[in-house]
C-alpha atoms as a PDB file:
ATOM      1  CA  UNK A   1       5.658   1.246 -13.447  1.00  0.00           C
ATOM      2  CA  UNK A   2       4.542  -0.291 -16.139  1.00  0.00           C
ATOM      3  CA  UNK A   3       4.937  -4.331 -16.571  1.00  0.00           C
ATOM      4  CA  UNK A   4       3.465  -5.744 -19.794  1.00  0.00           C
ATOM      5  CA  UNK A   5       3.091 -10.072 -19.727  1.00  0.00           C
ATOM      6  CA  UNK A   6       1.785 -12.707 -21.263  1.00  0.00           C
ATOM      7  CA  UNK A   7       0.566 -16.245 -21.501  1.00  0.00           C
ATOM      8  CA  UNK A   8       3.755 -17.792 -23.575  1.00  0.00           C
ATOM      9  CA  UNK A   9       2.177 -17.815 -27.111  1.00  0.00           C
ATOM     10  CA  UNK A  10       0.731 -14.049 -26.456  1.00  0.00           C
ATOM     11  CA  UNK A  11      -2.985 -14.809 -27.140  1.00  0.00           C
ATOM     12  CA  UNK A  12      -3.471 -13.470 -23.474  1.00  0.00           C
ATOM     13  CA  UNK A  13      -1.706 -10.221 -22.723  1.00  0.00           C
ATOM     14  CA  UNK A  14      -1.690  -7.544 -20.229  1.00  0.00           C
ATOM     15  CA  UNK A  15      -0.433  -4.290 -18.906  1.00  0.00           C
ATOM     16  CA  UNK A  16       0.048  -3.791 -15.712  1.00  0.00           C
ATOM     17  CA  UNK A  17      -0.075   0.010 -14.160  1.00  0.00           C
ATOM     18  CA  UNK A  18       1.757  -0.598 -10.662  1.00  0.00           C
ATOM     19  CA  UNK A  19       1.806   2.354  -8.007  1.00  0.00           C
ATOM     20  CA  UNK A  20       5.775   4.207  -8.107  1.00  0.00           C
ATOM     21  CA  UNK A  21       5.332   4.459  -4.274  1.00  0.00           C
ATOM     22  CA  UNK A  22       5.725   0.730  -4.201  1.00  0.00           C
ATOM     23  CA  UNK A  23       9.045  -0.084  -5.714  1.00  0.00           C
ATOM     24  CA  UNK A  24       8.830  -3.942  -4.134  1.00  0.00           C
ATOM     25  CA  UNK A  25       6.091  -6.364  -6.113  1.00  0.00           C
ATOM     26  CA  UNK A  26       4.807  -9.211  -3.569  1.00  0.00           C
ATOM     27  CA  UNK A  27       4.694 -12.622  -5.278  1.00  0.00           C
ATOM     28  CA  UNK A  28       2.633 -15.133  -3.373  1.00  0.00           C
ATOM     29  CA  UNK A  29       3.089 -18.724  -4.318  1.00  0.00           C
ATOM     30  CA  UNK A  30      -0.132 -19.885  -3.765  1.00  0.00           C
ATOM     31  CA  UNK A  31      -0.309 -23.524  -2.005  1.00  0.00           C
ATOM     32  CA  UNK A  32      -3.225 -25.022  -3.792  1.00  0.00           C
ATOM     33  CA  UNK A  33      -2.787 -27.920  -6.157  1.00  0.00           C
ATOM     34  CA  UNK A  34      -4.069 -26.088  -9.266  1.00  0.00           C
ATOM     35  CA  UNK A  35      -1.348 -23.242  -8.759  1.00  0.00           C
ATOM     36  CA  UNK A  36       1.325 -25.749  -7.196  1.00  0.00           C
ATOM     37  CA  UNK A  37       1.209 -27.690 -10.765  1.00  0.00           C
ATOM     38  CA  UNK A  38       1.289 -24.239 -12.872  1.00  0.00           C
ATOM     39  CA  UNK A  39       4.180 -22.601 -10.741  1.00  0.00           C
ATOM     40  CA  UNK A  40       2.111 -19.661 -10.556  1.00  0.00           C
ATOM     41  CA  UNK A  41       3.092 -16.964  -7.856  1.00  0.00           C
ATOM     42  CA  UNK A  42       0.472 -14.234  -7.817  1.00  0.00           C
ATOM     43  CA  UNK A  43       0.834 -10.440  -7.266  1.00  0.00           C
ATOM     44  CA  UNK A  44      -1.244  -8.146  -6.670  1.00  0.00           C
ATOM     45  CA  UNK A  45      -2.117  -4.049  -5.118  1.00  0.00           C
ATOM     46  CA  UNK A  46      -5.497  -2.755  -4.607  1.00  0.00           C
ATOM     47  CA  UNK A  47      -3.815   0.601  -6.280  1.00  0.00           C
ATOM     48  CA  UNK A  48      -2.473  -0.836  -9.529  1.00  0.00           C
ATOM     49  CA  UNK A  49      -4.439  -0.815 -12.399  1.00  0.00           C
ATOM     50  CA  UNK A  50      -4.925  -4.041 -15.418  1.00  0.00           C
ATOM     51  CA  UNK A  51      -5.888  -3.778 -18.984  1.00  0.00           C
ATOM     52  CA  UNK A  52      -6.097  -7.619 -20.394  1.00  0.00           C
ATOM     53  CA  UNK A  53      -6.306  -8.033 -23.827  1.00  0.00           C
ATOM     54  CA  UNK A  54      -7.214 -11.582 -25.251  1.00  0.00           C
ATOM     55  CA  UNK A  55      -6.158 -12.184 -29.127  1.00  0.00           C
ATOM     56  CA  UNK A  56      -8.704 -15.198 -29.979  1.00  0.00           C
ATOM     57  CA  UNK A  57     -11.152 -15.404 -26.997  1.00  0.00           C
ATOM     58  CA  UNK A  58     -12.009 -19.304 -28.329  1.00  0.00           C
ATOM     59  CA  UNK A  59      -8.551 -20.195 -27.043  1.00  0.00           C
ATOM     60  CA  UNK A  60      -8.908 -18.333 -23.615  1.00  0.00           C
ATOM     61  CA  UNK A  61     -10.503 -21.065 -20.898  1.00  0.00           C
ATOM     62  CA  UNK A  62     -11.995 -19.430 -17.697  1.00  0.00           C
ATOM     63  CA  UNK A  63     -11.706 -21.973 -15.188  1.00  0.00           C
ATOM     64  CA  UNK A  64     -13.252 -22.083 -11.618  1.00  0.00           C
ATOM     65  CA  UNK A  65     -12.829 -24.868  -8.926  1.00  0.00           C
ATOM     66  CA  UNK A  66     -13.241 -25.256  -5.442  1.00  0.00           C
ATOM     67  CA  UNK A  67     -14.978 -22.306  -4.087  1.00  0.00           C
ATOM     68  CA  UNK A  68     -16.124 -21.063  -7.860  1.00  0.00           C
ATOM     69  CA  UNK A  69     -15.265 -17.347  -6.183  1.00  0.00           C
ATOM     70  CA  UNK A  70     -12.605 -16.995  -9.209  1.00  0.00           C
ATOM     71  CA  UNK A  71     -12.001 -17.556 -12.709  1.00  0.00           C
ATOM     72  CA  UNK A  72      -8.294 -18.274 -13.800  1.00  0.00           C
ATOM     73  CA  UNK A  73      -7.214 -17.534 -17.301  1.00  0.00           C
ATOM     74  CA  UNK A  74      -6.312 -20.409 -19.477  1.00  0.00           C
ATOM     75  CA  UNK A  75      -4.746 -20.221 -22.621  1.00  0.00           C
ATOM     76  CA  UNK A  76      -5.507 -23.219 -24.327  1.00  0.00           C
ATOM     77  CA  UNK A  77      -2.800 -23.055 -27.104  1.00  0.00           C
ATOM     78  CA  UNK A  78       0.013 -22.757 -24.543  1.00  0.00           C
ATOM     79  CA  UNK A  79      -1.269 -23.591 -21.245  1.00  0.00           C
ATOM     80  CA  UNK A  80      -0.260 -20.421 -19.390  1.00  0.00           C
ATOM     81  CA  UNK A  81      -2.261 -18.588 -16.542  1.00  0.00           C
ATOM     82  CA  UNK A  82      -1.195 -15.092 -16.287  1.00  0.00           C
ATOM     83  CA  UNK A  83      -4.459 -13.542 -14.529  1.00  0.00           C
ATOM     84  CA  UNK A  84      -6.997 -14.353 -12.095  1.00  0.00           C
ATOM     85  CA  UNK A  85     -10.529 -12.769 -12.283  1.00  0.00           C
ATOM     86  CA  UNK A  86     -12.900 -12.523  -9.068  1.00  0.00           C
ATOM     87  CA  UNK A  87     -16.371 -11.068  -9.800  1.00  0.00           C
ATOM     88  CA  UNK A  88     -17.120  -9.556  -6.369  1.00  0.00           C
ATOM     89  CA  UNK A  89     -20.730  -7.244  -6.151  1.00  0.00           C
ATOM     90  CA  UNK A  90     -20.474  -6.636  -9.849  1.00  0.00           C
ATOM     91  CA  UNK A  91     -17.056  -5.303 -10.270  1.00  0.00           C
ATOM     92  CA  UNK A  92     -13.677  -7.434 -11.571  1.00  0.00           C
ATOM     93  CA  UNK A  93     -10.627  -7.644  -8.951  1.00  0.00           C
ATOM     94  CA  UNK A  94      -8.074  -9.536 -10.574  1.00  0.00           C
ATOM     95  CA  UNK A  95      -4.477 -11.156  -9.189  1.00  0.00           C
ATOM     96  CA  UNK A  96      -1.623 -11.831 -11.807  1.00  0.00           C
ATOM     97  CA  UNK A  97       0.954 -14.318 -12.436  1.00  0.00           C
ATOM     98  CA  UNK A  98       4.660 -12.842 -11.895  1.00  0.00           C
ATOM     99  CA  UNK A  99       5.725 -15.885 -13.942  1.00  0.00           C
ATOM    100  CA  UNK A 100       4.175 -14.266 -16.947  1.00  0.00           C
ATOM    101  CA  UNK A 101       5.901 -10.767 -16.366  1.00  0.00           C
ATOM    102  CA  UNK A 102       8.448  -9.318 -19.465  1.00  0.00           C
ATOM    103  CA  UNK A 103      11.731  -7.646 -18.977  1.00  0.00           C
ATOM    104  CA  UNK A 104      10.737  -6.941 -14.935  1.00  0.00           C
ATOM    105  CA  UNK A 105      14.139  -8.016 -12.662  1.00  0.00           C
ATOM    106  CA  UNK A 106      13.246 -10.857 -10.275  1.00  0.00           C
ATOM    107  CA  UNK A 107      15.194  -9.127  -7.716  1.00  0.00           C
ATOM    108  CA  UNK A 108      12.066  -6.690  -6.951  1.00  0.00           C
ATOM    109  CA  UNK A 109       9.864  -9.769  -5.957  1.00  0.00           C
ATOM    110  CA  UNK A 110       9.205 -10.241  -2.312  1.00  0.00           C
ATOM    111  CA  UNK A 111       8.299 -14.026  -2.841  1.00  0.00           C
ATOM    112  CA  UNK A 112       6.452 -15.541   0.096  1.00  0.00           C
ATOM    113  CA  UNK A 113       3.718 -18.499   0.224  1.00  0.00           C
ATOM    114  CA  UNK A 114       0.444 -18.650   0.926  1.00  0.00           C
ATOM    115  CA  UNK A 115      -2.262 -20.992   2.013  1.00  0.00           C
ATOM    116  CA  UNK A 116      -5.921 -20.363   1.797  1.00  0.00           C
ATOM    117  CA  UNK A 117      -7.424 -23.779   2.445  1.00  0.00           C
ATOM    118  CA  UNK A 118     -10.331 -23.581   4.890  1.00  0.00           C
ATOM    119  CA  UNK A 119     -10.907 -19.832   4.229  1.00  0.00           C
ATOM    120  CA  UNK A 120     -14.797 -19.327   4.605  1.00  0.00           C
ATOM    121  CA  UNK A 121     -15.886 -17.753   1.243  1.00  0.00           C
ATOM    122  CA  UNK A 122     -16.908 -14.732   2.594  1.00  0.00           C
ATOM    123  CA  UNK A 123     -13.821 -13.995   4.170  1.00  0.00           C
ATOM    124  CA  UNK A 124     -11.969 -14.658   0.962  1.00  0.00           C
ATOM    125  CA  UNK A 125     -14.193 -12.186  -0.724  1.00  0.00           C
ATOM    126  CA  UNK A 126     -13.405  -9.730   1.636  1.00  0.00           C
ATOM    127  CA  UNK A 127      -9.568 -10.501   1.139  1.00  0.00           C
ATOM    128  CA  UNK A 128      -9.939  -9.911  -2.420  1.00  0.00           C
ATOM    129  CA  UNK A 129     -11.639  -6.604  -2.434  1.00  0.00           C
ATOM    130  CA  UNK A 130      -8.960  -5.148  -0.223  1.00  0.00           C
ATOM    131  CA  UNK A 131      -5.770  -6.731  -1.631  1.00  0.00           C
ATOM    132  CA  UNK A 132      -6.473  -7.599  -5.371  1.00  0.00           C
ATOM    133  CA  UNK A 133      -6.463  -5.224  -8.383  1.00  0.00           C
ATOM    134  CA  UNK A 134      -9.479  -3.663  -8.399  1.00  0.00           C
ATOM    135  CA  UNK A 135      -9.143  -1.560 -11.667  1.00  0.00           C
ATOM    136  CA  UNK A 136      -9.642  -4.459 -14.282  1.00  0.00           C
ATOM    137  CA  UNK A 137     -10.710  -3.631 -17.861  1.00  0.00           C
ATOM    138  CA  UNK A 138     -10.221  -5.110 -20.975  1.00  0.00           C
ATOM    139  CA  UNK A 139     -12.097  -8.403 -20.554  1.00  0.00           C
END
């Protein structure tokens, strides 16, 4: 399944190739203060592929907080947060915000909440390597 998405103004766009054999899309609402304040709900699949594109790089902010092991891609123009990138062992891994998807029926989402507060950094990176999108290009 091909899924397109973008921040509100379209400066940061993406195409997500979702595995055809996975008809339901998990959507995890993170409990951290940043995600709660932005209303973000994240999805990933290690077999998915993500192609990101930025129209104006000067309008892209990479925001890192907490453990500083991930960069939230924030559009400076509209404030949208379409993706998070974590560089692990020289490779980018990503999750995407389902609220930035275009033309996807919300009925396909399996919504849940998640809380990784207190997770050790090495456990966090191992979880990302096993669950996040491992094929990331364009950024």
